[in-house]
Amino acid sequence: MDQGGFSSAIIAWQRRHGRHDLPWQQSRDPYRVWLSEIMLQQTQVATVIPYYLRFLERFPDLAALAAAPEDDVLALWSGLGYYSRARNLHRAARQIAARHGGA
């Protein structure tokens, strides 16, 4: 099977059998997708969902995350573990905001 055929088969399988109700699937906002990818590393989906929703309530966009004190970010991350993910996410948000105006 060539690469295009393989990709098409995977996408078709996901459309038929995959999850379609996860909060991060409802948006194409790169910030929300990025946040979900970081949170889902080494963490089960069911665990991530409430953290993801609370995190977005407090930090709805990259600018809000970048402007926040690290302690606030870590407090909302509490319970997810692997705190380096939160620190790196926050550091990256600050760099993106500083270098690219938040985009």
N, C-alpha and C. Protein backbone atom coordinates (compact mmCIF):
# COMPACT_ATOMS: atom_id res chain seq x y z
N MET A 1 0.86 -1.17 0.00
CA MET A 1 0.00 0.00 0.00
C MET A 1 0.90 1.24 0.00
N ASP A 2 0.61 2.20 -0.86
CA ASP A 2 1.41 3.42 -0.89
C ASP A 2 1.02 4.34 0.26
N GLN A 3 1.81 5.38 0.46
CA GLN A 3 1.60 6.28 1.59
C GLN A 3 0.23 6.95 1.54
N GLY A 4 -0.18 7.40 0.37
CA GLY A 4 -1.49 8.05 0.23
C GLY A 4 -2.63 7.10 0.55
N GLY A 5 -2.51 5.86 0.09
CA GLY A 5 -3.54 4.86 0.39
C GLY A 5 -3.60 4.52 1.86
N PHE A 6 -2.44 4.43 2.49
CA PHE A 6 -2.38 4.14 3.92
C PHE A 6 -3.03 5.27 4.72
N SER A 7 -2.67 6.51 4.39
CA SER A 7 -3.25 7.67 5.08
C SER A 7 -4.76 7.70 4.92
N SER A 8 -5.22 7.45 3.72
CA SER A 8 -6.67 7.45 3.47
C SER A 8 -7.37 6.37 4.26
N ALA A 9 -6.74 5.20 4.36
CA ALA A 9 -7.34 4.10 5.13
C ALA A 9 -7.43 4.45 6.61
N ILE A 10 -6.40 5.07 7.16
CA ILE A 10 -6.40 5.46 8.57
C ILE A 10 -7.48 6.51 8.83
N ILE A 11 -7.58 7.49 7.97
CA ILE A 11 -8.58 8.55 8.13
C ILE A 11 -9.98 7.97 8.03
N ALA A 12 -10.21 7.08 7.08
CA ALA A 12 -11.52 6.44 6.94
C ALA A 12 -11.87 5.61 8.17
N TRP A 13 -10.88 4.89 8.71
CA TRP A 13 -11.12 4.10 9.92
C TRP A 13 -11.52 5.01 11.08
N GLN A 14 -10.79 6.11 11.25
CA GLN A 14 -11.09 7.02 12.35
C GLN A 14 -12.49 7.61 12.21
N ARG A 15 -12.89 7.94 11.01
CA ARG A 15 -14.24 8.49 10.80
C ARG A 15 -15.32 7.50 11.19
N ARG A 16 -15.07 6.22 10.95
CA ARG A 16 -16.06 5.18 11.28
C ARG A 16 -16.01 4.76 12.74
N HIS A 17 -14.81 4.63 13.29
CA HIS A 17 -14.67 3.99 14.60
C HIS A 17 -14.09 4.88 15.69
N GLY A 18 -13.55 6.01 15.33
CA GLY A 18 -12.85 6.85 16.31
C GLY A 18 -13.80 7.67 17.17
N ARG A 19 -13.22 8.31 18.17
CA ARG A 19 -13.99 9.21 19.03
C ARG A 19 -14.24 10.51 18.28
N HIS A 20 -15.42 11.05 18.48
CA HIS A 20 -15.78 12.30 17.81
C HIS A 20 -16.34 13.32 18.79
N ASP A 21 -16.28 13.02 20.08
CA ASP A 21 -16.94 13.86 21.07
C ASP A 21 -15.98 14.48 22.07
N LEU A 22 -14.71 14.47 21.78
CA LEU A 22 -13.73 15.02 22.71
C LEU A 22 -13.68 16.55 22.56
N PRO A 23 -13.52 17.27 23.67
CA PRO A 23 -13.61 18.74 23.61
C PRO A 23 -12.64 19.39 22.63
N TRP A 24 -11.46 18.84 22.50
CA TRP A 24 -10.46 19.44 21.60
C TRP A 24 -10.75 19.14 20.14
N GLN A 25 -11.69 18.25 19.87
CA GLN A 25 -12.06 17.96 18.49
C GLN A 25 -13.10 18.96 17.97
N GLN A 26 -13.61 19.80 18.85
CA GLN A 26 -14.66 20.74 18.47
C GLN A 26 -14.10 22.06 17.95
N SER A 27 -12.79 22.18 17.92
CA SER A 27 -12.16 23.42 17.50
C SER A 27 -10.93 23.13 16.64
N ARG A 28 -10.67 24.03 15.71
CA ARG A 28 -9.44 23.93 14.92
C ARG A 28 -8.43 24.98 15.39
N ASP A 29 -8.72 25.59 16.54
CA ASP A 29 -7.83 26.59 17.13
C ASP A 29 -6.51 25.92 17.48
N PRO A 30 -5.40 26.38 16.91
CA PRO A 30 -4.11 25.73 17.17
C PRO A 30 -3.74 25.70 18.65
N TYR A 31 -4.11 26.73 19.40
CA TYR A 31 -3.82 26.75 20.84
C TYR A 31 -4.50 25.60 21.54
N ARG A 32 -5.76 25.36 21.26
CA ARG A 32 -6.51 24.28 21.91
C ARG A 32 -5.98 22.91 21.51
N VAL A 33 -5.63 22.76 20.26
CA VAL A 33 -5.06 21.49 19.80
C VAL A 33 -3.71 21.25 20.47
N TRP A 34 -2.88 22.27 20.51
CA TRP A 34 -1.56 22.18 21.15
C TRP A 34 -1.69 21.83 22.62
N LEU A 35 -2.59 22.53 23.32
CA LEU A 35 -2.82 22.26 24.73
C LEU A 35 -3.23 20.81 24.95
N SER A 36 -4.15 20.31 24.14
CA SER A 36 -4.60 18.92 24.30
C SER A 36 -3.45 17.94 24.05
N GLU A 37 -2.63 18.20 23.05
CA GLU A 37 -1.52 17.31 22.75
C GLU A 37 -0.53 17.24 23.91
N ILE A 38 -0.26 18.38 24.53
CA ILE A 38 0.66 18.40 25.67
C ILE A 38 0.04 17.66 26.85
N MET A 39 -1.22 17.93 27.14
CA MET A 39 -1.88 17.29 28.28
C MET A 39 -2.01 15.78 28.09
N LEU A 40 -2.20 15.34 26.87
CA LEU A 40 -2.43 13.92 26.61
C LEU A 40 -1.16 13.07 26.63
N GLN A 41 0.00 13.70 26.70
CA GLN A 41 1.24 12.94 26.78
C GLN A 41 1.29 12.19 28.11
N GLN A 42 1.36 10.88 28.05
CA GLN A 42 1.49 10.03 29.23
C GLN A 42 0.29 10.12 30.17
N THR A 43 -0.87 10.59 29.67
CA THR A 43 -2.04 10.76 30.52
C THR A 43 -3.28 10.28 29.77
N GLN A 44 -4.15 9.56 30.46
CA GLN A 44 -5.35 9.01 29.83
C GLN A 44 -6.35 10.11 29.48
N VAL A 45 -7.08 9.89 28.40
CA VAL A 45 -8.06 10.85 27.91
C VAL A 45 -9.06 11.23 29.00
N ALA A 46 -9.60 10.25 29.69
CA ALA A 46 -10.62 10.52 30.71
C ALA A 46 -10.07 11.41 31.83
N THR A 47 -8.81 11.30 32.12
CA THR A 47 -8.19 12.15 33.13
C THR A 47 -8.00 13.56 32.61
N VAL A 48 -7.64 13.69 31.36
CA VAL A 48 -7.32 15.00 30.78
C VAL A 48 -8.55 15.89 30.62
N ILE A 49 -9.68 15.35 30.26
CA ILE A 49 -10.84 16.17 29.90
C ILE A 49 -11.17 17.24 30.94
N PRO A 50 -11.37 16.91 32.23
CA PRO A 50 -11.71 17.98 33.17
C PRO A 50 -10.59 19.01 33.35
N TYR A 51 -9.34 18.57 33.29
CA TYR A 51 -8.22 19.51 33.39
C TYR A 51 -8.19 20.45 32.18
N TYR A 52 -8.41 19.90 31.02
CA TYR A 52 -8.43 20.69 29.79
C TYR A 52 -9.50 21.78 29.87
N LEU A 53 -10.70 21.40 30.29
CA LEU A 53 -11.80 22.36 30.36
C LEU A 53 -11.52 23.44 31.40
N ARG A 54 -11.02 23.07 32.57
CA ARG A 54 -10.68 24.07 33.60
C ARG A 54 -9.55 24.98 33.13
N PHE A 55 -8.56 24.40 32.48
CA PHE A 55 -7.43 25.17 31.99
C PHE A 55 -7.90 26.23 31.00
N LEU A 56 -8.80 25.86 30.11
CA LEU A 56 -9.30 26.81 29.11
C LEU A 56 -10.19 27.88 29.74
N GLU A 57 -10.86 27.56 30.83
CA GLU A 57 -11.64 28.59 31.52
C GLU A 57 -10.73 29.69 32.04
N ARG A 58 -9.59 29.30 32.58
CA ARG A 58 -8.64 30.26 33.16
C ARG A 58 -7.73 30.87 32.11
N PHE A 59 -7.31 30.08 31.13
CA PHE A 59 -6.39 30.53 30.08
C PHE A 59 -7.02 30.23 28.72
N PRO A 60 -7.98 31.04 28.28
CA PRO A 60 -8.73 30.73 27.05
C PRO A 60 -7.93 30.87 25.77
N ASP A 61 -6.79 31.55 25.85
CA ASP A 61 -5.96 31.72 24.65
C ASP A 61 -4.50 31.83 25.05
N LEU A 62 -3.66 31.86 24.05
CA LEU A 62 -2.23 31.89 24.28
C LEU A 62 -1.81 33.13 25.05
N ALA A 63 -2.42 34.27 24.76
CA ALA A 63 -2.06 35.50 25.45
C ALA A 63 -2.34 35.40 26.95
N ALA A 64 -3.45 34.81 27.32
CA ALA A 64 -3.79 34.64 28.74
C ALA A 64 -2.80 33.71 29.42
N LEU A 65 -2.43 32.64 28.75
CA LEU A 65 -1.45 31.72 29.32
C LEU A 65 -0.10 32.40 29.47
N ALA A 66 0.32 33.12 28.45
CA ALA A 66 1.62 33.79 28.48
C ALA A 66 1.69 34.84 29.59
N ALA A 67 0.59 35.51 29.86
CA ALA A 67 0.57 36.58 30.86
C ALA A 67 0.47 36.06 32.29
N ALA A 68 0.13 34.82 32.45
CA ALA A 68 -0.10 34.26 33.79
C ALA A 68 1.21 33.97 34.52
N PRO A 69 1.19 34.10 35.84
CA PRO A 69 2.35 33.65 36.62
C PRO A 69 2.48 32.12 36.53
N GLU A 70 3.70 31.64 36.55
CA GLU A 70 3.92 30.20 36.46
C GLU A 70 3.19 29.45 37.57
N ASP A 71 3.13 30.02 38.76
CA ASP A 71 2.45 29.36 39.87
C ASP A 71 0.98 29.09 39.56
N ASP A 72 0.32 30.01 38.84
CA ASP A 72 -1.08 29.79 38.46
C ASP A 72 -1.21 28.63 37.49
N VAL A 73 -0.28 28.56 36.56
CA VAL A 73 -0.29 27.47 35.57
C VAL A 73 -0.09 26.13 36.29
N LEU A 74 0.89 26.09 37.17
CA LEU A 74 1.18 24.84 37.89
C LEU A 74 0.03 24.45 38.81
N ALA A 75 -0.65 25.42 39.39
CA ALA A 75 -1.78 25.10 40.27
C ALA A 75 -2.90 24.41 39.49
N LEU A 76 -3.18 24.89 38.28
CA LEU A 76 -4.22 24.25 37.47
C LEU A 76 -3.77 22.90 36.93
N TRP A 77 -2.48 22.72 36.80
CA TRP A 77 -1.92 21.46 36.30
C TRP A 77 -1.88 20.40 37.40
N SER A 78 -1.99 20.84 38.64
CA SER A 78 -1.85 19.95 39.79
C SER A 78 -2.75 18.74 39.68
N GLY A 79 -2.16 17.57 39.76
CA GLY A 79 -2.88 16.31 39.63
C GLY A 79 -2.63 15.61 38.31
N LEU A 80 -2.18 16.34 37.30
CA LEU A 80 -1.87 15.73 36.00
C LEU A 80 -0.48 15.10 35.98
N GLY A 81 0.39 15.58 36.85
CA GLY A 81 1.75 15.04 36.89
C GLY A 81 2.62 15.58 35.77
N TYR A 82 3.85 15.12 35.76
CA TYR A 82 4.82 15.56 34.75
C TYR A 82 4.79 17.09 34.60
N TYR A 83 5.10 17.77 35.68
CA TYR A 83 4.99 19.23 35.73
C TYR A 83 5.90 19.93 34.73
N SER A 84 6.92 19.25 34.24
CA SER A 84 7.76 19.88 33.22
C SER A 84 6.93 20.21 31.98
N ARG A 85 5.87 19.44 31.73
CA ARG A 85 5.00 19.76 30.58
C ARG A 85 4.38 21.14 30.77
N ALA A 86 3.90 21.41 31.97
CA ALA A 86 3.27 22.71 32.26
C ALA A 86 4.28 23.84 32.16
N ARG A 87 5.45 23.62 32.72
CA ARG A 87 6.50 24.65 32.67
C ARG A 87 6.91 24.94 31.22
N ASN A 88 7.09 23.89 30.44
CA ASN A 88 7.49 24.07 29.04
C ASN A 88 6.37 24.70 28.22
N LEU A 89 5.14 24.32 28.48
CA LEU A 89 3.99 24.93 27.80
C LEU A 89 3.95 26.42 28.08
N HIS A 90 4.10 26.78 29.34
CA HIS A 90 4.07 28.18 29.75
C HIS A 90 5.24 28.95 29.14
N ARG A 91 6.42 28.37 29.20
CA ARG A 91 7.61 29.02 28.62
C ARG A 91 7.42 29.23 27.11
N ALA A 92 6.91 28.23 26.43
CA ALA A 92 6.68 28.35 24.98
C ALA A 92 5.63 29.42 24.68
N ALA A 93 4.57 29.47 25.48
CA ALA A 93 3.53 30.49 25.27
C ALA A 93 4.13 31.89 25.40
N ARG A 94 4.98 32.07 26.38
CA ARG A 94 5.63 33.38 26.57
C ARG A 94 6.53 33.73 25.39
N GLN A 95 7.27 32.75 24.89
CA GLN A 95 8.15 33.00 23.75
C GLN A 95 7.34 33.32 22.49
N ILE A 96 6.27 32.58 22.27
CA ILE A 96 5.42 32.83 21.09
C ILE A 96 4.82 34.23 21.17
N ALA A 97 4.32 34.59 22.35
CA ALA A 97 3.72 35.91 22.52
C ALA A 97 4.76 37.01 22.30
N ALA A 98 5.96 36.82 22.82
CA ALA A 98 7.01 37.84 22.69
C ALA A 98 7.54 37.95 21.26
N ARG A 99 7.74 36.83 20.63
CA ARG A 99 8.38 36.84 19.30
C ARG A 99 7.41 37.03 18.15
N HIS A 100 6.18 36.58 18.34
CA HIS A 100 5.24 36.57 17.22
C HIS A 100 3.92 37.27 17.55
N GLY A 101 3.89 38.00 18.60
CA GLY A 101 2.67 38.73 18.95
C GLY A 101 1.52 37.82 19.32
N GLY A 102 1.82 36.62 19.77
CA GLY A 102 0.78 35.70 20.21
C GLY A 102 0.24 34.80 19.12
N ALA A 103 0.71 34.95 17.91
CA ALA A 103 0.18 34.14 16.81
C ALA A 103 1.15 33.06 16.42
